[in-house]
Amino acid sequence: MEFIQWAKDSEIPVGPGRGSGAGSLVAFALGITDLDPLKYDLLFERFLNPERVSMPDFDVDFCMDGRDRVIQHVAELYGKEAVSQIVTFGTMAAKAVVRDVARVQGKPYALADKLSKLIPPEPGMTLERAFQQEKLLGTFVDNDEDAQEIMEMAYKLEGITRNVGKHAGGVVIAPTKLTDFTPLYAEESGHGLVTQFDKNDVETAGLVKFDFLGLRTLTIIDWAVKMINEQQEQSQIDINSIPLDDDSVYELLQSGKTTAVFQLESFGMKELIKRLMPSSFEDIIALVALFRPGPLRTGMDKEFIDRKHGRAKVEYLHSDLKSVLSDTYGVILYQEQVMQIAQVLANYTLGGADILRKAMGKKDEKEMAKQRQTFIKGAEQNGISEKLSGSIFNLMETFAEYGFNKSHSAAYALVSYQTAWLKAHFPAHFMAAVLSADMQNTDKIVTLIDECRTINLSIVPPDVNIGQFNFTV
């Protein structure tokens, strides 16, 4: 992909991959992604297959400092009339609509605040669901005339578009002028145009969307490596060539001192790391996939960890599944494993298996009933009884709901490993880069300085004679 190569040639850091695109062997061969998908059982068909109707799109992480330069380059290359960012529409969601209506009606702020706080803070919450779930809300509204007036209007306005914004990373490149495909909208600031169609309508209109995302961690890695290479000219570091089996990295992870390590720095993640005790790159991939509400709520993390450390027996529902599930100790952790099980046991093509994965993820009952019959029939051809294949299908269905995209997990695990490697080998340079990236956030700086002291780094006060704008070593 031209703009990725341009970014690399222009010394703008690019992420190793993101989303299902990281599983594409063609993308790896072309230098779009930097992680060998064959080595980690990442599936091309998770990204693109003959049965897929929708256009696949690449999500690409760029350094925060260089992202806008890449978008500008694309606009210059393909023409400013053919490139723009994509609109987003902010809607009046349940909590917001109550506050907006109360403000316009001149109702007391305290009343709006109380009503809003009674609405459960769940994604996709509606007023109707809020009244069903929160009995106090119904009781309160029944006994307050002002609250009834607010709700009467809020019901009518809920879901209506409230404001227009710009998609965080969505960029569209048209084959001719954008106006041949979509109306355009000028931002209030006057800085550039965006499509009036949102990301879904843009695809329906036949245009391809790319996500140009800014990832602060890439900036941190870049700053740290440049500092190191400036100070030791003889042995230059290439962060993309470091070994993935470095013992000092796994010692750092196992100690739980992962503050500032990408994706592994939260309190909950540190607890998970101490229980899991990662000893291989595959374990880091698993960590990224395990630390999500679904696996943690269902106890998948405990099952995985107990099996890894020999406290629970590693079991497979069928002997043929050992090749698919051995890396995760018999636990179905990744979406790709659901696809491989269908391939191995029921003779699915990987393209067909991706349709099965989607149906399971979306809980599409009609499609699921159809897929169940296909799975049982395919398994029967391999000598597997209907009873066993049915129970395997049920298990796949349960895990598919919580399974994670391994391609994304592996690509982000690589960024996690790179930051851990820098912290293990060059802690001063790494922490200086992290502190520089968070200079505007006083609370974060306090935490990071505490971490520096924990790992025996001394922080020198600002000095007008030797100090620079950023933190330096």
Protein backbone atom coordinates (compact mmCIF):
# COMPACT_ATOMS: atom_id res chain seq x y z
CA MET A 1 0.00 0.00 0.00
CA GLU A 2 1.64 3.19 -1.24
CA PHE A 3 0.96 5.50 1.70
CA ILE A 4 2.32 2.97 4.25
CA GLN A 5 5.59 2.68 2.33
CA TRP A 6 5.70 6.48 1.99
CA ALA A 7 5.27 6.83 5.78
CA LYS A 8 8.10 4.35 6.43
CA ASP A 9 10.35 6.10 3.88
CA SER A 10 9.53 9.43 5.57
CA GLU A 11 10.50 7.99 9.00
CA ILE A 12 6.92 8.12 10.29
CA PRO A 13 6.45 5.07 12.55
CA VAL A 14 3.74 2.65 11.36
CA GLY A 15 2.16 -0.06 13.53
CA PRO A 16 2.85 -3.74 12.76
CA GLY A 17 -0.84 -4.30 11.95
CA ARG A 18 -4.29 -3.91 13.41
CA GLY A 19 -7.53 -5.87 13.21
CA SER A 20 -8.11 -8.82 10.89
CA GLY A 21 -5.82 -7.35 8.21
CA ALA A 22 -2.82 -8.51 10.29
CA GLY A 23 -3.75 -12.10 9.30
CA SER A 24 -3.30 -11.42 5.59
CA LEU A 25 -0.21 -13.08 4.10
CA VAL A 26 -0.43 -10.79 1.06
CA ALA A 27 -0.40 -7.74 3.35
CA PHE A 28 2.70 -9.12 5.10
CA ALA A 29 4.44 -9.81 1.78
CA LEU A 30 3.69 -6.27 0.57
CA GLY A 31 5.00 -4.69 3.79
CA ILE A 32 1.57 -3.41 4.88
CA THR A 33 1.88 -5.48 8.09
CA ASP A 34 5.02 -6.59 9.95
CA LEU A 35 4.00 -9.82 11.67
CA ASP A 36 4.40 -13.18 9.91
CA PRO A 37 0.85 -14.63 9.93
CA LEU A 38 2.03 -18.21 9.21
CA LYS A 39 4.15 -18.29 12.37
CA TYR A 40 1.19 -17.48 14.63
CA ASP A 41 -1.67 -19.30 12.84
CA LEU A 42 -3.35 -16.10 11.70
CA LEU A 43 -5.93 -16.69 8.99
CA PHE A 44 -6.14 -14.78 5.70
CA GLU A 45 -9.84 -15.74 5.51
CA ARG A 46 -10.59 -13.84 8.71
CA PHE A 47 -9.81 -10.73 6.59
CA LEU A 48 -10.84 -11.65 3.04
CA ASN A 49 -12.47 -14.69 1.49
CA PRO A 50 -14.65 -15.55 -1.56
CA GLU A 51 -17.81 -15.66 0.58
CA ARG A 52 -17.28 -12.15 1.98
CA VAL A 53 -19.62 -9.62 0.37
CA SER A 54 -18.51 -6.42 2.12
CA MET A 55 -15.30 -4.65 1.11
CA PRO A 56 -12.40 -5.35 3.50
CA ASP A 57 -10.63 -2.30 4.89
CA PHE A 58 -7.26 -1.81 6.54
CA ASP A 59 -6.96 -0.05 9.86
CA VAL A 60 -3.47 1.42 10.12
CA ASP A 61 -1.77 2.87 13.21
CA PHE A 62 0.58 5.79 12.67
CA CYS A 63 2.70 7.80 15.08
CA MET A 64 0.59 10.64 16.56
CA ASP A 65 3.02 13.25 15.25
CA GLY A 66 3.06 11.92 11.69
CA ARG A 67 -0.54 10.86 11.07
CA ASP A 68 -1.69 14.20 9.62
CA ARG A 69 1.33 14.24 7.30
CA VAL A 70 0.26 10.87 5.87
CA ILE A 71 -3.32 12.10 5.27
CA GLN A 72 -1.90 15.24 3.62
CA HIS A 73 0.35 13.09 1.40
CA VAL A 74 -2.62 10.95 0.30
CA ALA A 75 -4.62 14.10 -0.54
CA GLU A 76 -1.71 15.47 -2.60
CA LEU A 77 -1.13 12.16 -4.39
CA TYR A 78 -4.72 11.33 -5.31
CA GLY A 79 -6.00 14.91 -5.46
CA LYS A 80 -7.71 16.99 -2.79
CA GLU A 81 -11.02 16.56 -4.64
CA ALA A 82 -10.79 12.75 -4.26
CA VAL A 83 -9.75 12.44 -0.59
CA SER A 84 -11.54 13.42 2.59
CA GLN A 85 -12.27 12.30 6.11
CA ILE A 86 -15.62 10.81 7.10
CA VAL A 87 -18.47 12.38 9.04
CA THR A 88 -19.84 11.02 12.32
CA PHE A 89 -23.23 11.85 13.75
CA GLY A 90 -23.67 12.32 17.48
CA THR A 91 -27.16 11.24 18.50
CA MET A 92 -29.35 12.08 21.47
CA ALA A 93 -28.71 8.99 23.58
CA ALA A 94 -30.76 8.20 26.70
CA LYS A 95 -28.71 10.13 29.28
CA ALA A 96 -27.91 13.08 27.01
CA VAL A 97 -31.47 13.61 25.75
CA VAL A 98 -32.80 13.89 29.31
CA ARG A 99 -30.21 16.57 30.17
CA ASP A 100 -30.80 18.48 26.89
CA VAL A 101 -34.59 18.52 27.26
CA ALA A 102 -34.38 19.61 30.92
CA ARG A 103 -32.02 22.46 29.99
CA VAL A 104 -34.24 23.76 27.15
CA GLN A 105 -37.40 23.46 29.27
CA GLY A 106 -35.70 25.46 32.03
CA LYS A 107 -36.00 22.67 34.58
CA PRO A 108 -33.63 22.58 37.59
CA TYR A 109 -30.16 21.13 36.89
CA ALA A 110 -30.41 18.91 39.99
CA LEU A 111 -33.55 17.26 38.59
CA ALA A 112 -31.90 16.55 35.21
CA ASP A 113 -28.83 15.23 37.00
CA LYS A 114 -30.87 12.86 39.17
CA LEU A 115 -32.88 11.54 36.19
CA SER A 116 -29.73 11.02 34.11
CA LYS A 117 -27.96 9.17 36.93
CA LEU A 118 -30.93 6.80 37.32
CA ILE A 119 -30.41 5.63 33.72
CA PRO A 120 -27.98 2.62 33.74
CA PRO A 121 -24.58 3.53 32.16
CA GLU A 122 -24.54 0.71 29.60
CA PRO A 123 -23.59 1.04 25.91
CA GLY A 124 -26.67 1.26 23.68
CA MET A 125 -29.01 2.01 26.61
CA THR A 126 -32.47 3.32 25.64
CA LEU A 127 -35.08 5.09 27.77
CA GLU A 128 -37.45 2.13 27.38
CA ARG A 129 -34.83 -0.34 28.63
CA ALA A 130 -33.87 2.05 31.43
CA PHE A 131 -37.44 2.04 32.78
CA GLN A 132 -37.53 -1.77 32.60
CA GLN A 133 -34.18 -2.21 34.40
CA GLU A 134 -34.31 0.60 36.96
CA LYS A 135 -37.54 0.49 38.99
CA LEU A 136 -36.54 3.63 40.95
CA LEU A 137 -36.65 5.63 37.71
CA GLY A 138 -40.30 4.74 37.09
CA THR A 139 -41.26 5.50 40.69
CA PHE A 140 -39.48 8.85 40.62
CA VAL A 141 -41.06 9.97 37.31
CA ASP A 142 -44.57 8.87 38.43
CA ASN A 143 -44.31 11.16 41.47
CA ASP A 144 -42.78 14.24 39.85
CA GLU A 145 -44.65 16.40 37.34
CA ASP A 146 -41.51 18.13 36.00
CA ALA A 147 -39.84 14.75 35.44
CA GLN A 148 -42.93 13.58 33.51
CA GLU A 149 -42.69 16.63 31.19
CA ILE A 150 -39.00 15.97 30.58
CA MET A 151 -39.62 12.30 29.76
CA GLU A 152 -42.54 13.04 27.45
CA MET A 153 -40.31 15.17 25.23
CA ALA A 154 -37.20 12.98 25.71
CA TYR A 155 -39.03 9.94 24.29
CA LYS A 156 -39.83 11.92 21.10
CA LEU A 157 -36.27 13.18 20.61
CA GLU A 158 -34.27 10.07 21.59
CA GLY A 159 -32.02 8.85 18.78
CA ILE A 160 -32.22 12.05 16.71
CA THR A 161 -28.92 13.40 15.35
CA ARG A 162 -27.65 16.07 17.70
CA ASN A 163 -24.35 17.17 16.21
CA VAL A 164 -21.87 16.47 13.45
CA GLY A 165 -18.27 15.42 14.01
CA LYS A 166 -15.31 13.91 12.20
CA HIS A 167 -14.46 10.20 12.37
CA ALA A 168 -11.34 9.60 14.50
CA GLY A 169 -9.44 7.89 11.70
CA GLY A 170 -11.74 7.27 8.71
CA VAL A 171 -10.36 8.46 5.37
CA VAL A 172 -11.99 7.81 2.02
CA ILE A 173 -10.15 7.79 -1.34
CA ALA A 174 -12.43 8.03 -4.40
CA PRO A 175 -11.48 6.98 -7.97
CA THR A 176 -12.76 10.34 -9.28
CA LYS A 177 -14.11 13.47 -7.57
CA LEU A 178 -15.77 12.75 -4.22
CA THR A 179 -18.86 14.67 -5.31
CA ASP A 180 -19.52 11.91 -7.89
CA PHE A 181 -20.28 9.62 -4.93
CA THR A 182 -21.20 11.60 -1.84
CA PRO A 183 -22.29 15.08 -0.73
CA LEU A 184 -19.65 16.94 1.28
CA TYR A 185 -19.79 18.91 4.51
CA ALA A 186 -17.50 21.82 5.45
CA GLU A 187 -16.32 21.80 9.04
CA GLU A 188 -17.19 24.88 11.08
CA SER A 189 -13.50 25.65 11.55
CA GLY A 190 -13.10 25.75 7.77
CA HIS A 191 -10.26 23.22 7.94
CA GLY A 192 -11.14 20.68 5.26
CA LEU A 193 -14.17 18.79 4.05
CA VAL A 194 -15.77 15.57 5.26
CA THR A 195 -18.22 13.26 3.53
CA GLN A 196 -21.87 13.76 4.48
CA PHE A 197 -22.28 9.98 4.35
CA ASP A 198 -21.13 8.14 7.48
CA LYS A 199 -18.77 5.14 7.34
CA ASN A 200 -21.54 2.64 6.51
CA ASP A 201 -23.16 4.78 3.79
CA VAL A 202 -19.74 5.52 2.28
CA GLU A 203 -19.23 1.77 1.75
CA THR A 204 -22.77 1.39 0.36
CA ALA A 205 -21.93 4.15 -2.16
CA GLY A 206 -19.04 1.95 -3.36
CA LEU A 207 -16.13 3.80 -1.77
CA VAL A 208 -13.31 2.17 0.22
CA LYS A 209 -12.69 3.44 3.75
CA PHE A 210 -9.25 3.40 5.36
CA ASP A 211 -8.64 4.08 9.03
CA PHE A 212 -5.61 6.29 9.65
CA LEU A 213 -5.30 6.04 13.43
CA GLY A 214 -2.85 7.82 15.70
CA LEU A 215 -1.17 5.54 18.27
CA ARG A 216 0.80 7.39 20.95
CA THR A 217 2.84 4.28 21.80
CA LEU A 218 4.46 4.32 18.33
CA THR A 219 5.62 7.89 19.05
CA ILE A 220 7.03 6.78 22.42
CA ILE A 221 8.93 3.84 20.85
CA ASP A 222 10.29 6.16 18.12
CA TRP A 223 11.48 8.79 20.61
CA ALA A 224 13.11 6.19 22.86
CA VAL A 225 14.94 4.43 19.99
CA LYS A 226 16.19 7.75 18.58
CA MET A 227 17.52 8.78 22.01
CA ILE A 228 19.30 5.42 22.42
CA ASN A 229 20.80 5.48 18.90
CA GLU A 230 22.05 9.07 19.33
CA GLN A 231 23.89 8.11 22.51
CA GLN A 232 25.40 4.82 21.27
CA GLU A 233 26.42 5.35 17.68
CA GLN A 234 28.30 2.04 17.40
CA SER A 235 25.38 -0.38 17.98
CA GLN A 236 22.20 1.00 16.44
CA ILE A 237 18.87 -0.54 17.49
CA ASP A 238 16.19 -1.65 15.04
CA ILE A 239 13.07 -2.23 17.14
CA ASN A 240 11.57 -4.46 14.42
CA SER A 241 14.51 -6.89 14.62
CA ILE A 242 14.60 -7.61 18.37
CA PRO A 243 14.27 -11.31 19.40
CA LEU A 244 10.86 -12.31 20.77
CA ASP A 245 12.31 -14.79 23.30
CA ASP A 246 14.32 -12.38 25.47
CA ASP A 247 14.37 -13.71 29.06
CA SER A 248 14.75 -10.24 30.59
CA VAL A 249 11.45 -9.16 28.99
CA TYR A 250 9.55 -12.09 30.52
CA GLU A 251 11.22 -11.47 33.90
CA LEU A 252 9.99 -7.86 33.74
CA LEU A 253 6.47 -8.98 32.85
CA GLN A 254 6.36 -11.65 35.56
CA SER A 255 7.44 -9.10 38.16
CA GLY A 256 4.29 -7.09 37.35
CA LYS A 257 6.32 -3.88 36.80
CA THR A 258 4.43 -3.12 33.60
CA THR A 259 3.53 0.54 34.17
CA ALA A 260 3.87 2.31 30.76
CA VAL A 261 4.03 -1.04 28.89
CA PHE A 262 1.47 -0.87 26.07
CA GLN A 263 -1.84 -2.59 26.97
CA LEU A 264 -0.31 -4.25 30.03
CA GLU A 265 -0.26 -1.36 32.49
CA SER A 266 -3.67 -1.30 34.19
CA PHE A 267 -4.09 -2.65 37.73
CA GLY A 268 -6.38 -5.49 36.55
CA MET A 269 -3.96 -6.48 33.80
CA LYS A 270 -1.03 -6.54 36.25
CA GLU A 271 -3.01 -8.94 38.46
CA LEU A 272 -3.74 -11.16 35.43
CA ILE A 273 -0.05 -11.12 34.41
CA LYS A 274 1.07 -12.19 37.90
CA ARG A 275 -1.37 -15.12 37.77
CA LEU A 276 -0.52 -16.13 34.20
CA MET A 277 3.30 -15.61 34.47
CA PRO A 278 3.88 -15.22 30.69
CA SER A 279 6.90 -17.10 29.39
CA SER A 280 6.46 -16.85 25.60
CA PHE A 281 5.21 -14.44 22.95
CA GLU A 282 2.09 -16.64 22.56
CA ASP A 283 1.32 -15.93 26.23
CA ILE A 284 1.38 -12.17 25.56
CA ILE A 285 -1.03 -12.67 22.64
CA ALA A 286 -3.30 -14.60 25.03
CA LEU A 287 -3.07 -11.84 27.69
CA VAL A 288 -4.40 -9.23 25.25
CA ALA A 289 -7.30 -11.54 24.36
CA LEU A 290 -8.10 -12.65 27.94
CA PHE A 291 -8.24 -9.21 29.54
CA ARG A 292 -11.78 -8.34 28.40
CA PRO A 293 -15.11 -8.39 30.25
CA GLY A 294 -16.42 -11.59 28.58
CA PRO A 295 -13.51 -13.96 29.35
CA LEU A 296 -13.02 -12.48 32.85
CA ARG A 297 -16.73 -12.75 33.68
CA THR A 298 -17.02 -16.36 32.51
CA GLY A 299 -13.84 -17.55 34.27
CA MET A 300 -12.06 -18.31 30.99
CA ASP A 301 -8.93 -16.64 32.39
CA LYS A 302 -8.86 -18.97 35.44
CA GLU A 303 -9.36 -22.08 33.27
CA PHE A 304 -6.56 -20.97 30.92
CA ILE A 305 -4.13 -20.17 33.79
CA ASP A 306 -4.88 -23.37 35.76
CA ARG A 307 -4.25 -25.47 32.66
CA LYS A 308 -1.02 -23.59 31.82
CA HIS A 309 0.39 -24.20 35.30
CA GLY A 310 -0.76 -27.84 35.52
CA ARG A 311 -3.42 -27.26 38.17
CA ALA A 312 -6.12 -28.45 35.77
CA LYS A 313 -5.97 -31.14 33.12
CA VAL A 314 -5.66 -30.04 29.48
CA GLU A 315 -8.56 -31.75 27.70
CA TYR A 316 -9.74 -31.75 24.10
CA LEU A 317 -13.30 -32.60 23.07
CA HIS A 318 -11.83 -34.51 20.13
CA SER A 319 -8.28 -35.71 19.50
CA ASP A 320 -8.18 -33.87 16.13
CA LEU A 321 -8.52 -30.55 17.99
CA LYS A 322 -5.11 -30.83 19.65
CA SER A 323 -3.38 -29.14 16.70
CA VAL A 324 -5.88 -26.24 16.87
CA LEU A 325 -6.09 -25.72 20.65
CA SER A 326 -2.69 -26.82 22.04
CA ASP A 327 -1.34 -23.23 22.25
CA THR A 328 -4.29 -22.23 24.45
CA TYR A 329 -4.34 -25.44 26.55
CA GLY A 330 -7.62 -26.69 25.07
CA VAL A 331 -9.48 -23.39 25.68
CA ILE A 332 -11.17 -21.76 22.65
CA LEU A 333 -9.79 -18.23 23.04
CA TYR A 334 -9.63 -16.83 19.50
CA GLN A 335 -12.18 -16.41 16.73
CA GLU A 336 -9.69 -18.04 14.36
CA GLN A 337 -9.84 -21.24 16.46
CA VAL A 338 -13.62 -21.42 15.94
CA MET A 339 -12.94 -21.27 12.19
CA GLN A 340 -10.20 -23.94 12.38
CA ILE A 341 -12.42 -26.31 14.40
CA ALA A 342 -15.10 -26.07 11.70
CA GLN A 343 -12.45 -26.73 9.07
CA VAL A 344 -10.85 -29.71 10.84
CA LEU A 345 -13.96 -31.46 12.17
CA ALA A 346 -16.66 -30.58 9.65
CA ASN A 347 -14.79 -29.99 6.34
CA TYR A 348 -15.64 -26.28 6.14
CA THR A 349 -13.66 -24.03 3.84
CA LEU A 350 -12.11 -21.21 5.86
CA GLY A 351 -14.34 -18.78 3.95
CA GLY A 352 -17.40 -20.77 5.02
CA ALA A 353 -16.02 -20.98 8.56
CA ASP A 354 -15.82 -17.18 8.68
CA ILE A 355 -19.56 -17.00 7.92
CA LEU A 356 -20.11 -19.44 10.82
CA ARG A 357 -17.93 -17.25 13.10
CA LYS A 358 -19.93 -14.13 12.17
CA ALA A 359 -23.27 -15.86 12.75
CA MET A 360 -22.11 -17.04 16.18
CA GLY A 361 -20.77 -13.61 17.10
CA LYS A 362 -24.01 -11.87 16.06
CA LYS A 363 -26.23 -14.61 17.54
CA ASP A 364 -28.06 -14.87 14.21
CA GLU A 365 -30.49 -17.67 15.14
CA LYS A 366 -31.73 -18.36 11.60
CA GLU A 367 -28.19 -18.62 10.21
CA MET A 368 -27.10 -20.63 13.28
CA ALA A 369 -29.76 -23.29 12.75
CA LYS A 370 -28.57 -23.67 9.15
CA GLN A 371 -24.90 -23.80 10.20
CA ARG A 372 -25.61 -26.41 12.91
CA GLN A 373 -26.97 -28.82 10.29
CA THR A 374 -23.98 -28.17 7.99
CA PHE A 375 -21.54 -28.71 10.88
CA ILE A 376 -23.17 -31.96 12.08
CA LYS A 377 -23.37 -33.31 8.51
CA GLY A 378 -19.70 -32.44 7.83
CA ALA A 379 -18.57 -33.98 11.15
CA GLU A 380 -20.55 -37.14 10.35
CA GLN A 381 -18.42 -37.60 7.20
CA ASN A 382 -15.38 -37.67 9.50
CA GLY A 383 -16.90 -40.37 11.71
CA ILE A 384 -18.01 -38.03 14.53
CA SER A 385 -21.37 -38.85 16.12
CA GLU A 386 -24.22 -36.35 16.04
CA LYS A 387 -24.22 -36.18 19.85
CA LEU A 388 -20.53 -35.23 20.04
CA SER A 389 -20.61 -32.81 17.10
CA GLY A 390 -23.72 -31.14 18.58
CA SER A 391 -22.01 -30.62 21.94
CA ILE A 392 -18.85 -29.29 20.22
CA PHE A 393 -21.03 -26.87 18.23
CA ASN A 394 -22.71 -25.68 21.46
CA LEU A 395 -19.29 -25.09 23.04
CA MET A 396 -18.07 -23.18 19.98
CA GLU A 397 -21.21 -21.05 20.15
CA THR A 398 -20.52 -20.17 23.79
CA PHE A 399 -16.86 -19.30 23.18
CA ALA A 400 -17.49 -17.45 19.90
CA GLU A 401 -19.38 -14.80 21.87
CA TYR A 402 -16.22 -13.99 23.84
CA GLY A 403 -13.54 -15.10 21.37
CA PHE A 404 -11.11 -12.41 20.26
CA ASN A 405 -9.59 -11.70 16.87
CA LYS A 406 -6.14 -13.32 17.14
CA SER A 407 -4.74 -11.26 14.26
CA HIS A 408 -5.38 -8.04 16.20
CA SER A 409 -4.21 -9.59 19.46
CA ALA A 410 -0.92 -10.77 17.92
CA ALA A 411 -0.17 -7.42 16.25
CA TYR A 412 -0.83 -5.47 19.46
CA ALA A 413 1.11 -8.06 21.51
CA LEU A 414 4.12 -7.19 19.33
CA VAL A 415 3.81 -3.49 20.28
CA SER A 416 3.43 -4.56 23.94
CA TYR A 417 6.58 -6.68 23.66
CA GLN A 418 8.57 -3.84 22.04
CA THR A 419 7.70 -1.44 24.89
CA ALA A 420 8.51 -4.13 27.49
CA TRP A 421 11.86 -4.80 25.74
CA LEU A 422 12.74 -1.08 25.86
CA LYS A 423 11.78 -0.88 29.53
CA ALA A 424 13.84 -3.99 30.36
CA HIS A 425 17.00 -2.93 28.46
CA PHE A 426 16.87 0.89 28.35
CA PRO A 427 14.57 1.93 31.22
CA ALA A 428 15.84 5.53 31.41
CA HIS A 429 15.38 6.25 27.69
CA PHE A 430 11.99 4.52 27.64
CA MET A 431 10.63 6.35 30.69
CA ALA A 432 11.95 9.68 29.34
CA ALA A 433 9.95 9.09 26.14
CA VAL A 434 6.83 8.07 28.10
CA LEU A 435 7.09 11.16 30.35
CA SER A 436 7.54 13.39 27.28
CA ALA A 437 4.39 11.95 25.69
CA ASP A 438 2.34 12.77 28.81
CA MET A 439 3.86 16.15 29.68
CA GLN A 440 0.47 17.91 29.66
CA ASN A 441 -1.10 15.43 32.10
CA THR A 442 0.08 16.26 35.63
CA ASP A 443 -1.67 13.28 37.27
CA LYS A 444 -0.02 10.87 34.82
CA ILE A 445 3.38 12.53 35.31
CA VAL A 446 3.14 11.98 39.09
CA THR A 447 2.41 8.25 38.55
CA LEU A 448 5.23 7.90 36.02
CA ILE A 449 7.77 9.68 38.25
CA ASP A 450 6.80 7.28 41.07
CA GLU A 451 7.46 4.40 38.66
CA CYS A 452 10.88 5.87 37.77
CA ARG A 453 11.81 5.92 41.46
CA THR A 454 10.50 2.36 41.90
CA ILE A 455 12.89 1.12 39.20
CA ASN A 456 15.78 3.23 40.65
CA LEU A 457 15.87 6.04 38.08
CA SER A 458 16.62 9.49 39.43
CA ILE A 459 14.60 12.47 38.18
CA VAL A 460 16.66 15.65 37.84
CA PRO A 461 14.76 18.96 38.27
CA PRO A 462 14.46 21.32 35.26
CA ASP A 463 17.73 23.09 34.44
CA VAL A 464 17.86 26.16 32.20
CA ASN A 465 21.45 25.34 31.15
CA ILE A 466 21.21 21.68 30.16
CA GLY A 467 17.47 20.96 30.00
CA GLN A 468 15.61 20.40 26.72
CA PHE A 469 11.92 20.74 25.90
CA ASN A 470 11.29 17.00 26.34
CA PHE A 471 12.47 14.68 29.12
CA THR A 472 15.95 13.42 28.22
CA VAL A 473 18.54 11.03 29.64
